[in-house]
Amino acid sequence: MKNFVVAIDGPAGSGKSSISKRIAKDRGFTHIDTGAMYRAITLEALRRKINLANEDEYTFLKNTSVIYKEGITYLNSEDVSKQIRTRNVTNNVSTTAKLKVVRDKMVDFQRESAKEGLILMDGRDIGTVVLPNADLKIFLTADPEIRAIRRCKENALAGIESDYEKILAEIKERDYKDSNREISPLKQADDAILVDTTSMSIEEVCNKIISLIDARL
């Protein structure tokens, strides 16, 4: 099978995961949600009550398994898809994700996962760090206010209570943390195609990206 890789990056709430899932299903790609993987590590760190900012306390990584398969996130074989979307995990994942020991482990797994077949991987540093030679790179973005509304709707569907003003403040803080961290900061790759979804429906975004994929294929 031909190896063809699509990298989709963007800030929190830009719709990377939901859009990637739809496109992957439509075009027969394997979808890998790297953000979910980092959330799983954050969940485990919180459960262990370690100092999230201290790399030395992440010794548990040696015996930790994180697998993202068919839309489900498994942490040591446990389905944690709902637990990783709680506010506590959301507010702390940037701290965990900026640590070199965590990123090194995740990047190795992500690169290995993208070696064969049709791969669609989304995250914050896929096109710049994880898969710099991806066949197609997309950078999704949208105004923070729109992303906050979308996150509230997403939480409601998952049965999670939300407060718009708090979500908006958290998204803005997350943007700052992700864009200013020393290791693998969030930024658009030089050869990535910018797609601003502020005034687009999810169907319009999917159709736009699918047309780009079909053109490259």
N, C-alpha and C. Protein backbone atom coordinates (compact mmCIF):
# COMPACT_ATOMS: atom_id res chain seq x y z
N MET A 1 0.84 -1.20 0.00
CA MET A 1 0.00 0.00 0.00
C MET A 1 0.87 1.25 0.00
N LYS A 2 0.48 2.24 -0.77
CA LYS A 2 1.21 3.50 -0.82
C LYS A 2 1.18 4.19 0.54
N ASN A 3 2.32 4.75 0.95
CA ASN A 3 2.38 5.51 2.19
C ASN A 3 2.14 6.99 1.85
N PHE A 4 1.04 7.51 2.35
CA PHE A 4 0.69 8.91 2.10
C PHE A 4 0.27 9.51 3.43
N VAL A 5 0.94 10.60 3.83
CA VAL A 5 0.73 11.16 5.15
C VAL A 5 0.21 12.59 5.09
N VAL A 6 -0.86 12.84 5.84
CA VAL A 6 -1.42 14.18 5.97
C VAL A 6 -1.23 14.65 7.41
N ALA A 7 -0.63 15.83 7.58
CA ALA A 7 -0.41 16.41 8.91
C ALA A 7 -1.34 17.60 9.09
N ILE A 8 -2.15 17.56 10.14
CA ILE A 8 -3.06 18.67 10.43
C ILE A 8 -2.72 19.25 11.79
N ASP A 9 -2.30 20.50 11.80
CA ASP A 9 -1.97 21.18 13.05
C ASP A 9 -2.92 22.34 13.30
N GLY A 10 -2.93 22.82 14.53
CA GLY A 10 -3.75 23.98 14.85
C GLY A 10 -3.95 24.11 16.34
N PRO A 11 -4.44 25.27 16.78
CA PRO A 11 -4.63 25.53 18.21
C PRO A 11 -5.82 24.77 18.79
N ALA A 12 -5.98 24.86 20.10
CA ALA A 12 -7.07 24.19 20.80
C ALA A 12 -8.42 24.66 20.28
N GLY A 13 -9.31 23.72 20.04
CA GLY A 13 -10.66 24.06 19.61
C GLY A 13 -10.80 24.41 18.15
N SER A 14 -9.76 24.17 17.36
CA SER A 14 -9.84 24.52 15.94
C SER A 14 -10.57 23.45 15.12
N GLY A 15 -10.91 22.35 15.76
CA GLY A 15 -11.68 21.29 15.09
C GLY A 15 -10.84 20.19 14.49
N LYS A 16 -9.55 20.15 14.85
CA LYS A 16 -8.63 19.17 14.25
C LYS A 16 -9.13 17.74 14.37
N SER A 17 -9.48 17.34 15.57
CA SER A 17 -9.84 15.94 15.81
C SER A 17 -11.13 15.53 15.10
N SER A 18 -12.19 16.34 15.28
CA SER A 18 -13.48 15.98 14.68
C SER A 18 -13.40 16.00 13.16
N ILE A 19 -12.70 16.97 12.62
CA ILE A 19 -12.55 17.06 11.16
C ILE A 19 -11.69 15.91 10.65
N SER A 20 -10.61 15.61 11.34
CA SER A 20 -9.73 14.53 10.93
C SER A 20 -10.45 13.19 10.94
N LYS A 21 -11.29 12.96 11.94
CA LYS A 21 -12.04 11.72 12.03
C LYS A 21 -12.96 11.55 10.81
N ARG A 22 -13.64 12.62 10.45
CA ARG A 22 -14.57 12.56 9.31
C ARG A 22 -13.83 12.29 8.01
N ILE A 23 -12.74 13.01 7.82
CA ILE A 23 -11.99 12.86 6.57
C ILE A 23 -11.37 11.46 6.48
N ALA A 24 -10.83 10.99 7.59
CA ALA A 24 -10.21 9.67 7.61
C ALA A 24 -11.23 8.59 7.24
N LYS A 25 -12.43 8.70 7.80
CA LYS A 25 -13.48 7.73 7.51
C LYS A 25 -13.90 7.81 6.05
N ASP A 26 -14.01 9.02 5.53
CA ASP A 26 -14.46 9.23 4.15
C ASP A 26 -13.45 8.72 3.14
N ARG A 27 -12.16 8.88 3.44
CA ARG A 27 -11.12 8.54 2.48
C ARG A 27 -10.30 7.29 2.85
N GLY A 28 -10.73 6.58 3.89
CA GLY A 28 -10.06 5.33 4.25
C GLY A 28 -8.67 5.51 4.85
N PHE A 29 -8.47 6.62 5.53
CA PHE A 29 -7.19 6.86 6.20
C PHE A 29 -7.21 6.33 7.63
N THR A 30 -6.04 6.08 8.19
CA THR A 30 -5.90 5.79 9.60
C THR A 30 -5.68 7.12 10.31
N HIS A 31 -6.57 7.45 11.24
CA HIS A 31 -6.47 8.73 11.95
C HIS A 31 -5.75 8.55 13.28
N ILE A 32 -4.80 9.43 13.56
CA ILE A 32 -4.07 9.40 14.83
C ILE A 32 -4.20 10.77 15.49
N ASP A 33 -4.88 10.81 16.63
CA ASP A 33 -5.09 12.04 17.39
C ASP A 33 -3.99 12.15 18.44
N THR A 34 -2.93 12.91 18.13
CA THR A 34 -1.79 13.00 19.05
C THR A 34 -2.15 13.78 20.31
N GLY A 35 -3.10 14.72 20.18
CA GLY A 35 -3.51 15.48 21.36
C GLY A 35 -4.12 14.57 22.41
N ALA A 36 -4.88 13.59 21.95
CA ALA A 36 -5.49 12.64 22.89
C ALA A 36 -4.42 11.83 23.63
N MET A 37 -3.32 11.55 22.93
CA MET A 37 -2.24 10.79 23.55
C MET A 37 -1.58 11.60 24.67
N TYR A 38 -1.35 12.89 24.41
CA TYR A 38 -0.77 13.74 25.45
C TYR A 38 -1.73 13.91 26.63
N ARG A 39 -3.01 13.96 26.32
CA ARG A 39 -4.01 14.06 27.39
C ARG A 39 -3.99 12.80 28.27
N ALA A 40 -3.77 11.65 27.64
CA ALA A 40 -3.73 10.40 28.41
C ALA A 40 -2.56 10.40 29.38
N ILE A 41 -1.40 10.88 28.93
CA ILE A 41 -0.24 10.97 29.80
C ILE A 41 -0.51 11.94 30.95
N THR A 42 -1.18 13.05 30.62
CA THR A 42 -1.52 14.04 31.65
C THR A 42 -2.47 13.44 32.68
N LEU A 43 -3.44 12.66 32.20
CA LEU A 43 -4.39 12.00 33.11
C LEU A 43 -3.64 11.08 34.07
N GLU A 44 -2.71 10.29 33.54
CA GLU A 44 -1.94 9.37 34.37
C GLU A 44 -1.10 10.14 35.39
N ALA A 45 -0.50 11.25 34.96
CA ALA A 45 0.31 12.06 35.88
C ALA A 45 -0.55 12.64 37.01
N LEU A 46 -1.75 13.09 36.65
CA LEU A 46 -2.66 13.63 37.67
C LEU A 46 -3.12 12.54 38.63
N ARG A 47 -3.37 11.37 38.11
CA ARG A 47 -3.78 10.26 38.97
C ARG A 47 -2.69 9.90 39.98
N ARG A 48 -1.44 10.03 39.53
CA ARG A 48 -0.31 9.69 40.40
C ARG A 48 0.08 10.84 41.33
N LYS A 49 -0.60 12.00 41.12
CA LYS A 49 -0.38 13.17 41.96
C LYS A 49 1.09 13.62 41.98
N ILE A 50 1.73 13.57 40.83
CA ILE A 50 3.12 14.01 40.75
C ILE A 50 3.17 15.51 40.46
N ASN A 51 4.34 16.08 40.55
CA ASN A 51 4.56 17.47 40.16
C ASN A 51 4.65 17.48 38.64
N LEU A 52 3.63 17.98 37.98
CA LEU A 52 3.55 17.89 36.52
C LEU A 52 4.68 18.62 35.81
N ALA A 53 5.29 19.59 36.48
CA ALA A 53 6.35 20.37 35.84
C ALA A 53 7.73 19.77 36.03
N ASN A 54 7.82 18.68 36.79
CA ASN A 54 9.11 18.06 37.10
C ASN A 54 9.33 16.81 36.24
N GLU A 55 10.24 16.91 35.27
CA GLU A 55 10.52 15.77 34.38
C GLU A 55 10.94 14.52 35.13
N ASP A 56 11.65 14.68 36.23
CA ASP A 56 12.18 13.54 36.97
C ASP A 56 11.08 12.65 37.55
N GLU A 57 9.86 13.16 37.64
CA GLU A 57 8.78 12.39 38.24
C GLU A 57 7.97 11.59 37.21
N TYR A 58 8.42 11.64 35.96
CA TYR A 58 7.71 10.91 34.90
C TYR A 58 8.33 9.54 34.63
N THR A 59 8.88 8.92 35.65
CA THR A 59 9.49 7.59 35.50
C THR A 59 8.45 6.54 35.09
N PHE A 60 7.18 6.82 35.35
CA PHE A 60 6.12 5.87 35.01
C PHE A 60 5.97 5.68 33.50
N LEU A 61 6.55 6.59 32.72
CA LEU A 61 6.44 6.49 31.26
C LEU A 61 7.02 5.19 30.72
N LYS A 62 8.03 4.67 31.42
CA LYS A 62 8.68 3.43 30.95
C LYS A 62 7.70 2.27 30.88
N ASN A 63 6.70 2.30 31.76
CA ASN A 63 5.75 1.20 31.83
C ASN A 63 4.33 1.64 31.46
N THR A 64 4.23 2.72 30.69
CA THR A 64 2.92 3.24 30.31
C THR A 64 2.67 3.03 28.82
N SER A 65 1.48 2.56 28.52
CA SER A 65 1.10 2.34 27.12
C SER A 65 -0.05 3.27 26.75
N VAL A 66 0.12 4.00 25.66
CA VAL A 66 -0.94 4.87 25.15
C VAL A 66 -1.20 4.51 23.69
N ILE A 67 -2.43 4.12 23.40
CA ILE A 67 -2.79 3.73 22.04
C ILE A 67 -4.05 4.48 21.62
N TYR A 68 -4.01 5.08 20.44
CA TYR A 68 -5.19 5.73 19.88
C TYR A 68 -5.63 4.92 18.68
N LYS A 69 -6.82 4.34 18.77
CA LYS A 69 -7.29 3.45 17.71
C LYS A 69 -8.78 3.61 17.49
N GLU A 70 -9.14 3.90 16.25
CA GLU A 70 -10.54 4.01 15.84
C GLU A 70 -11.33 4.95 16.75
N GLY A 71 -10.73 6.09 17.06
CA GLY A 71 -11.41 7.11 17.84
C GLY A 71 -11.41 6.90 19.34
N ILE A 72 -10.75 5.85 19.80
CA ILE A 72 -10.72 5.56 21.24
C ILE A 72 -9.29 5.68 21.75
N THR A 73 -9.13 6.31 22.91
CA THR A 73 -7.82 6.46 23.54
C THR A 73 -7.69 5.45 24.67
N TYR A 74 -6.66 4.60 24.56
CA TYR A 74 -6.42 3.59 25.58
C TYR A 74 -5.18 3.94 26.39
N LEU A 75 -5.34 3.99 27.71
CA LEU A 75 -4.23 4.20 28.63
C LEU A 75 -4.03 2.91 29.41
N ASN A 76 -2.93 2.22 29.12
CA ASN A 76 -2.69 0.92 29.75
C ASN A 76 -3.91 0.01 29.59
N SER A 77 -4.42 -0.02 28.36
CA SER A 77 -5.57 -0.86 27.95
C SER A 77 -6.92 -0.37 28.47
N GLU A 78 -6.95 0.75 29.19
CA GLU A 78 -8.21 1.30 29.70
C GLU A 78 -8.72 2.39 28.75
N ASP A 79 -9.98 2.33 28.39
CA ASP A 79 -10.58 3.36 27.55
C ASP A 79 -10.78 4.62 28.40
N VAL A 80 -10.00 5.66 28.10
CA VAL A 80 -10.07 6.90 28.88
C VAL A 80 -10.55 8.06 28.01
N SER A 81 -11.25 7.75 26.94
CA SER A 81 -11.68 8.77 25.98
C SER A 81 -12.47 9.90 26.62
N LYS A 82 -13.29 9.60 27.61
CA LYS A 82 -14.08 10.64 28.27
C LYS A 82 -13.28 11.33 29.36
N GLN A 83 -12.51 10.57 30.13
CA GLN A 83 -11.73 11.15 31.24
C GLN A 83 -10.71 12.18 30.77
N ILE A 84 -10.16 12.00 29.57
CA ILE A 84 -9.11 12.92 29.10
C ILE A 84 -9.69 14.25 28.62
N ARG A 85 -11.03 14.37 28.58
CA ARG A 85 -11.66 15.62 28.12
C ARG A 85 -12.16 16.47 29.29
N THR A 86 -11.84 16.09 30.51
CA THR A 86 -12.26 16.88 31.66
C THR A 86 -11.46 18.17 31.72
N ARG A 87 -12.00 19.16 32.44
CA ARG A 87 -11.34 20.46 32.54
C ARG A 87 -9.98 20.35 33.20
N ASN A 88 -9.86 19.46 34.19
CA ASN A 88 -8.58 19.31 34.89
C ASN A 88 -7.47 18.87 33.95
N VAL A 89 -7.78 17.93 33.09
CA VAL A 89 -6.79 17.47 32.10
C VAL A 89 -6.53 18.57 31.08
N THR A 90 -7.58 19.20 30.59
CA THR A 90 -7.44 20.27 29.60
C THR A 90 -6.54 21.39 30.09
N ASN A 91 -6.70 21.78 31.36
CA ASN A 91 -5.93 22.89 31.90
C ASN A 91 -4.48 22.54 32.22
N ASN A 92 -4.16 21.24 32.24
CA ASN A 92 -2.81 20.84 32.62
C ASN A 92 -2.00 20.18 31.50
N VAL A 93 -2.65 19.86 30.38
CA VAL A 93 -1.96 19.12 29.32
C VAL A 93 -0.81 19.92 28.71
N SER A 94 -0.91 21.24 28.67
CA SER A 94 0.18 22.04 28.11
C SER A 94 1.45 21.91 28.96
N THR A 95 1.29 21.76 30.26
CA THR A 95 2.44 21.59 31.16
C THR A 95 3.14 20.27 30.87
N THR A 96 2.35 19.22 30.73
CA THR A 96 2.91 17.90 30.44
C THR A 96 3.54 17.85 29.05
N ALA A 97 2.84 18.41 28.07
CA ALA A 97 3.27 18.30 26.67
C ALA A 97 4.56 19.07 26.36
N LYS A 98 4.94 20.01 27.20
CA LYS A 98 6.14 20.79 26.91
C LYS A 98 7.42 20.10 27.40
N LEU A 99 7.26 19.01 28.15
CA LEU A 99 8.42 18.31 28.71
C LEU A 99 9.08 17.40 27.66
N LYS A 100 10.39 17.48 27.58
CA LYS A 100 11.14 16.72 26.58
C LYS A 100 10.95 15.22 26.76
N VAL A 101 10.96 14.75 27.98
CA VAL A 101 10.86 13.31 28.23
C VAL A 101 9.52 12.77 27.72
N VAL A 102 8.48 13.58 27.83
CA VAL A 102 7.15 13.18 27.36
C VAL A 102 7.08 13.25 25.83
N ARG A 103 7.56 14.35 25.26
CA ARG A 103 7.48 14.54 23.82
C ARG A 103 8.33 13.50 23.08
N ASP A 104 9.50 13.16 23.61
CA ASP A 104 10.36 12.18 22.96
C ASP A 104 9.66 10.83 22.84
N LYS A 105 8.98 10.44 23.91
CA LYS A 105 8.28 9.14 23.90
C LYS A 105 7.12 9.16 22.91
N MET A 106 6.36 10.24 22.92
CA MET A 106 5.21 10.34 22.04
C MET A 106 5.62 10.45 20.57
N VAL A 107 6.64 11.25 20.29
CA VAL A 107 7.08 11.44 18.90
C VAL A 107 7.57 10.13 18.30
N ASP A 108 8.31 9.35 19.06
CA ASP A 108 8.78 8.05 18.57
C ASP A 108 7.60 7.17 18.16
N PHE A 109 6.59 7.13 19.01
CA PHE A 109 5.41 6.31 18.71
C PHE A 109 4.68 6.85 17.48
N GLN A 110 4.53 8.17 17.42
CA GLN A 110 3.79 8.78 16.31
C GLN A 110 4.48 8.54 14.97
N ARG A 111 5.79 8.65 14.93
CA ARG A 111 6.53 8.42 13.69
C ARG A 111 6.42 6.96 13.26
N GLU A 112 6.48 6.07 14.21
CA GLU A 112 6.37 4.64 13.91
C GLU A 112 4.99 4.33 13.34
N SER A 113 3.96 5.01 13.87
CA SER A 113 2.59 4.78 13.45
C SER A 113 2.31 5.28 12.03
N ALA A 114 3.17 6.19 11.56
CA ALA A 114 2.92 6.81 10.25
C ALA A 114 3.74 6.21 9.12
N LYS A 115 4.42 5.11 9.37
CA LYS A 115 5.33 4.53 8.37
C LYS A 115 4.63 3.82 7.23
N GLU A 116 3.43 3.30 7.47
CA GLU A 116 2.77 2.52 6.43
C GLU A 116 1.31 2.94 6.24
N GLY A 117 0.87 2.92 4.99
CA GLY A 117 -0.53 3.17 4.67
C GLY A 117 -0.89 4.63 4.54
N LEU A 118 -2.21 4.88 4.52
CA LEU A 118 -2.74 6.23 4.42
C LEU A 118 -2.95 6.76 5.83
N ILE A 119 -2.18 7.77 6.21
CA ILE A 119 -2.17 8.27 7.58
C ILE A 119 -2.62 9.72 7.64
N LEU A 120 -3.52 10.02 8.58
CA LEU A 120 -3.92 11.39 8.85
C LEU A 120 -3.67 11.64 10.33
N MET A 121 -2.71 12.49 10.63
CA MET A 121 -2.32 12.74 12.01
C MET A 121 -2.54 14.20 12.36
N ASP A 122 -3.19 14.44 13.50
CA ASP A 122 -3.41 15.83 13.90
C ASP A 122 -2.80 16.11 15.26
N GLY A 123 -2.41 17.38 15.45
CA GLY A 123 -1.78 17.78 16.69
C GLY A 123 -1.36 19.23 16.65
N ARG A 124 -0.21 19.53 17.26
CA ARG A 124 0.27 20.90 17.29
C ARG A 124 1.67 21.07 16.70
N ASP A 125 2.35 19.96 16.48
CA ASP A 125 3.70 20.05 15.90
C ASP A 125 3.95 18.95 14.90
N ILE A 126 2.88 18.47 14.27
CA ILE A 126 3.01 17.34 13.35
C ILE A 126 3.80 17.74 12.10
N GLY A 127 3.40 18.84 11.47
CA GLY A 127 4.07 19.26 10.25
C GLY A 127 5.44 19.88 10.46
N THR A 128 5.70 20.35 11.69
CA THR A 128 6.99 21.00 11.96
C THR A 128 8.02 20.07 12.59
N VAL A 129 7.57 19.13 13.42
CA VAL A 129 8.51 18.29 14.18
C VAL A 129 8.31 16.79 13.94
N VAL A 130 7.09 16.32 14.15
CA VAL A 130 6.85 14.87 14.10
C VAL A 130 7.00 14.32 12.68
N LEU A 131 6.32 14.96 11.72
CA LEU A 131 6.35 14.47 10.33
C LEU A 131 6.67 15.63 9.38
N PRO A 132 7.89 16.14 9.45
CA PRO A 132 8.25 17.30 8.60
C PRO A 132 8.22 17.00 7.11
N ASN A 133 8.22 15.71 6.73
CA ASN A 133 8.18 15.34 5.32
C ASN A 133 6.80 14.84 4.89
N ALA A 134 5.77 15.22 5.62
CA ALA A 134 4.40 14.81 5.29
C ALA A 134 4.05 15.24 3.87
N ASP A 135 3.24 14.43 3.20
CA ASP A 135 2.86 14.72 1.82
C ASP A 135 1.96 15.95 1.70
N LEU A 136 1.18 16.21 2.75
CA LEU A 136 0.31 17.38 2.78
C LEU A 136 0.23 17.90 4.20
N LYS A 137 0.41 19.20 4.35
CA LYS A 137 0.33 19.82 5.67
C LYS A 137 -0.77 20.88 5.69
N ILE A 138 -1.63 20.80 6.70
CA ILE A 138 -2.73 21.75 6.87
C ILE A 138 -2.58 22.42 8.23
N PHE A 139 -2.79 23.73 8.28
CA PHE A 139 -2.81 24.43 9.56
C PHE A 139 -4.21 25.02 9.73
N LEU A 140 -4.98 24.42 10.65
CA LEU A 140 -6.35 24.86 10.92
C LEU A 140 -6.34 25.92 12.01
N THR A 141 -7.15 26.94 11.83
CA THR A 141 -7.27 27.95 12.88
C THR A 141 -8.67 28.55 12.82
N ALA A 142 -9.00 29.33 13.85
CA ALA A 142 -10.28 30.03 13.93
C ALA A 142 -10.17 31.04 15.06
N ASP A 143 -11.03 32.04 15.06
CA ASP A 143 -11.02 33.03 16.14
C ASP A 143 -11.27 32.33 17.47
N PRO A 144 -10.62 32.79 18.55
CA PRO A 144 -10.79 32.15 19.87
C PRO A 144 -12.25 32.06 20.32
N GLU A 145 -13.03 33.09 20.04
CA GLU A 145 -14.43 33.10 20.45
C GLU A 145 -15.21 31.97 19.77
N ILE A 146 -14.95 31.76 18.50
CA ILE A 146 -15.61 30.68 17.77
C ILE A 146 -15.16 29.32 18.30
N ARG A 147 -13.89 29.21 18.59
CA ARG A 147 -13.38 27.94 19.13
C ARG A 147 -13.98 27.64 20.50
N ALA A 148 -14.22 28.67 21.30
CA ALA A 148 -14.82 28.47 22.63
C ALA A 148 -16.26 27.97 22.49
N ILE A 149 -17.00 28.55 21.54
CA ILE A 149 -18.37 28.10 21.31
C ILE A 149 -18.38 26.64 20.87
N ARG A 150 -17.48 26.28 19.97
CA ARG A 150 -17.41 24.90 19.49
C ARG A 150 -17.05 23.94 20.61
N ARG A 151 -16.13 24.36 21.47
CA ARG A 151 -15.73 23.48 22.59
C ARG A 151 -16.89 23.27 23.55
N CYS A 152 -17.69 24.31 23.80
CA CYS A 152 -18.85 24.17 24.67
C CYS A 152 -19.85 23.18 24.09
N LYS A 153 -20.08 23.26 22.78
CA LYS A 153 -21.00 22.34 22.12
C LYS A 153 -20.47 20.91 22.17
N GLU A 154 -19.16 20.77 21.96
CA GLU A 154 -18.52 19.46 22.00
C GLU A 154 -18.65 18.85 23.39
N ASN A 155 -18.44 19.66 24.42
CA ASN A 155 -18.56 19.18 25.81
C ASN A 155 -20.00 18.78 26.12
N ALA A 156 -20.95 19.56 25.62
CA ALA A 156 -22.36 19.26 25.88
C ALA A 156 -22.74 17.89 25.31
N LEU A 157 -22.24 17.61 24.11
CA LEU A 157 -22.52 16.31 23.48
C LEU A 157 -21.90 15.16 24.27
N ALA A 158 -20.79 15.46 24.96
CA ALA A 158 -20.11 14.44 25.75
C ALA A 158 -20.62 14.40 27.19
N GLY A 159 -21.62 15.26 27.49
CA GLY A 159 -22.18 15.27 28.84
C GLY A 159 -21.32 16.00 29.85
N ILE A 160 -20.47 16.92 29.35
CA ILE A 160 -19.58 17.67 30.23
C ILE A 160 -20.10 19.11 30.34
N GLU A 161 -20.24 19.59 31.58
CA GLU A 161 -20.74 20.94 31.81
C GLU A 161 -19.70 21.98 31.40
N SER A 162 -20.14 23.09 30.81
CA SER A 162 -19.21 24.10 30.33
C SER A 162 -19.67 25.50 30.69
N ASP A 163 -18.72 26.41 30.83
CA ASP A 163 -18.98 27.82 31.01
C ASP A 163 -18.22 28.56 29.92
N TYR A 164 -18.95 29.27 29.04
CA TYR A 164 -18.32 29.88 27.87
C TYR A 164 -17.15 30.79 28.24
N GLU A 165 -17.33 31.69 29.18
CA GLU A 165 -16.28 32.65 29.53
C GLU A 165 -15.03 31.94 30.05
N LYS A 166 -15.23 30.91 30.84
CA LYS A 166 -14.09 30.14 31.35
C LYS A 166 -13.39 29.40 30.23
N ILE A 167 -14.17 28.80 29.34
CA ILE A 167 -13.60 28.07 28.21
C ILE A 167 -12.80 29.01 27.33
N LEU A 168 -13.33 30.21 27.07
CA LEU A 168 -12.64 31.19 26.24
C LEU A 168 -11.31 31.61 26.88
N ALA A 169 -11.33 31.86 28.19
CA ALA A 169 -10.11 32.25 28.89
C ALA A 169 -9.08 31.12 28.85
N GLU A 170 -9.56 29.88 28.99
CA GLU A 170 -8.66 28.73 28.97
C GLU A 170 -8.04 28.54 27.59
N ILE A 171 -8.83 28.76 26.54
CA ILE A 171 -8.33 28.62 25.17
C ILE A 171 -7.24 29.66 24.89
N LYS A 172 -7.48 30.89 25.32
CA LYS A 172 -6.48 31.95 25.11
C LYS A 172 -5.19 31.65 25.88
N GLU A 173 -5.34 31.13 27.09
CA GLU A 173 -4.16 30.77 27.88
C GLU A 173 -3.43 29.60 27.23
N ARG A 174 -4.19 28.64 26.74
CA ARG A 174 -3.60 27.47 26.09
C ARG A 174 -2.85 27.89 24.82
N ASP A 175 -3.44 28.82 24.06
CA ASP A 175 -2.78 29.33 22.86
C ASP A 175 -1.41 29.92 23.20
N TYR A 176 -1.39 30.70 24.27
CA TYR A 176 -0.14 31.35 24.67
C TYR A 176 0.90 30.32 25.09
N LYS A 177 0.49 29.37 25.91
CA LYS A 177 1.41 28.33 26.38
C LYS A 177 1.95 27.50 25.22
N ASP A 178 1.05 27.08 24.32
CA ASP A 178 1.46 26.22 23.20
C ASP A 178 2.38 26.95 22.23
N SER A 179 2.14 28.24 22.04
CA SER A 179 2.93 29.00 21.07
C SER A 179 4.27 29.47 21.63
N ASN A 180 4.40 29.49 22.95
CA ASN A 180 5.60 30.04 23.57
C ASN A 180 6.47 29.02 24.31
N ARG A 181 6.09 27.73 24.25
CA ARG A 181 6.92 26.74 24.92
C ARG A 181 8.24 26.58 24.16
N GLU A 182 9.29 26.19 24.89
CA GLU A 182 10.61 26.07 24.29
C GLU A 182 10.72 24.89 23.33
N ILE A 183 10.07 23.78 23.68
CA ILE A 183 10.17 22.57 22.87
C ILE A 183 8.94 22.43 21.98
N SER A 184 9.16 22.34 20.67
CA SER A 184 8.09 22.12 19.69
C SER A 184 6.90 23.06 19.86
N PRO A 185 7.11 24.36 19.79
CA PRO A 185 5.98 25.29 19.94
C PRO A 185 5.00 25.18 18.78
N LEU A 186 3.77 25.58 19.03
CA LEU A 186 2.74 25.57 17.99
C LEU A 186 3.04 26.68 16.98
N LYS A 187 3.23 26.30 15.73
CA LYS A 187 3.42 27.28 14.68
C LYS A 187 3.12 26.63 13.34
N GLN A 188 2.80 27.44 12.37
CA GLN A 188 2.48 26.93 11.03
C GLN A 188 3.76 26.60 10.29
N ALA A 189 3.84 25.40 9.74
CA ALA A 189 5.00 25.01 8.95
C ALA A 189 5.06 25.89 7.70
N ASP A 190 6.25 26.14 7.22
CA ASP A 190 6.42 27.01 6.05
C ASP A 190 5.65 26.52 4.83
N ASP A 191 5.54 25.20 4.69
CA ASP A 191 4.87 24.63 3.52
C ASP A 191 3.45 24.13 3.83
N ALA A 192 2.88 24.57 4.95
CA ALA A 192 1.52 24.17 5.30
C ALA A 192 0.50 25.11 4.68
N ILE A 193 -0.67 24.59 4.36
CA ILE A 193 -1.75 25.38 3.80
C ILE A 193 -2.65 25.85 4.94
N LEU A 194 -2.83 27.16 5.06
CA LEU A 194 -3.65 27.73 6.13
C LEU A 194 -5.13 27.62 5.77
N VAL A 195 -5.92 27.08 6.71
CA VAL A 195 -7.37 26.99 6.53
C VAL A 195 -8.02 27.63 7.75
N ASP A 196 -8.58 28.83 7.58
CA ASP A 196 -9.26 29.54 8.66
C ASP A 196 -10.73 29.12 8.65
N THR A 197 -11.15 28.45 9.72
CA THR A 197 -12.49 27.86 9.77
C THR A 197 -13.52 28.74 10.48
N THR A 198 -13.13 29.97 10.80
CA THR A 198 -14.00 30.85 11.58
C THR A 198 -15.42 30.92 11.01
N SER A 199 -15.54 31.12 9.72
CA SER A 199 -16.86 31.27 9.09
C SER A 199 -17.24 30.07 8.24
N MET A 200 -16.59 28.93 8.50
CA MET A 200 -16.88 27.74 7.71
C MET A 200 -17.58 26.68 8.55
N SER A 201 -18.47 25.93 7.91
CA SER A 201 -19.10 24.79 8.59
C SER A 201 -18.12 23.62 8.55
N ILE A 202 -18.38 22.62 9.37
CA ILE A 202 -17.48 21.46 9.40
C ILE A 202 -17.49 20.75 8.04
N GLU A 203 -18.65 20.76 7.37
CA GLU A 203 -18.74 20.13 6.05
C GLU A 203 -17.87 20.87 5.04
N GLU A 204 -17.89 22.20 5.11
CA GLU A 204 -17.08 23.00 4.19
C GLU A 204 -15.59 22.78 4.42
N VAL A 205 -15.21 22.68 5.68
CA VAL A 205 -13.79 22.45 6.01
C VAL A 205 -13.36 21.08 5.50
N CYS A 206 -14.19 20.07 5.76
CA CYS A 206 -13.86 18.71 5.31
C CYS A 206 -13.73 18.65 3.79
N ASN A 207 -14.67 19.26 3.10
CA ASN A 207 -14.62 19.25 1.64
C ASN A 207 -13.37 19.95 1.12
N LYS A 208 -12.99 21.03 1.76
CA LYS A 208 -11.80 21.77 1.36
C LYS A 208 -10.55 20.89 1.50
N ILE A 209 -10.42 20.24 2.65
CA ILE A 209 -9.23 19.42 2.90
C ILE A 209 -9.23 18.17 2.03
N ILE A 210 -10.41 17.58 1.83
CA ILE A 210 -10.50 16.40 0.96
C ILE A 210 -10.07 16.73 -0.46
N SER A 211 -10.44 17.91 -0.94
CA SER A 211 -10.03 18.33 -2.29
C SER A 211 -8.52 18.48 -2.38
N LEU A 212 -7.90 18.96 -1.30
CA LEU A 212 -6.45 19.10 -1.26
C LEU A 212 -5.76 17.72 -1.25
N ILE A 213 -6.35 16.80 -0.48
CA ILE A 213 -5.80 15.44 -0.42
C ILE A 213 -5.89 14.76 -1.78
N ASP A 214 -7.07 14.85 -2.39
CA ASP A 214 -7.28 14.21 -3.70
C ASP A 214 -6.33 14.76 -4.75
N ALA A 215 -6.06 16.06 -4.68
CA ALA A 215 -5.15 16.68 -5.64
C ALA A 215 -3.72 16.14 -5.48
N ARG A 216 -3.30 15.96 -4.22
CA ARG A 216 -1.95 15.45 -3.98
C ARG A 216 -1.84 13.97 -4.30
N LEU A 217 -2.89 13.24 -4.01
CA LEU A 217 -2.87 11.80 -4.30
C LEU A 217 -2.87 11.53 -5.81
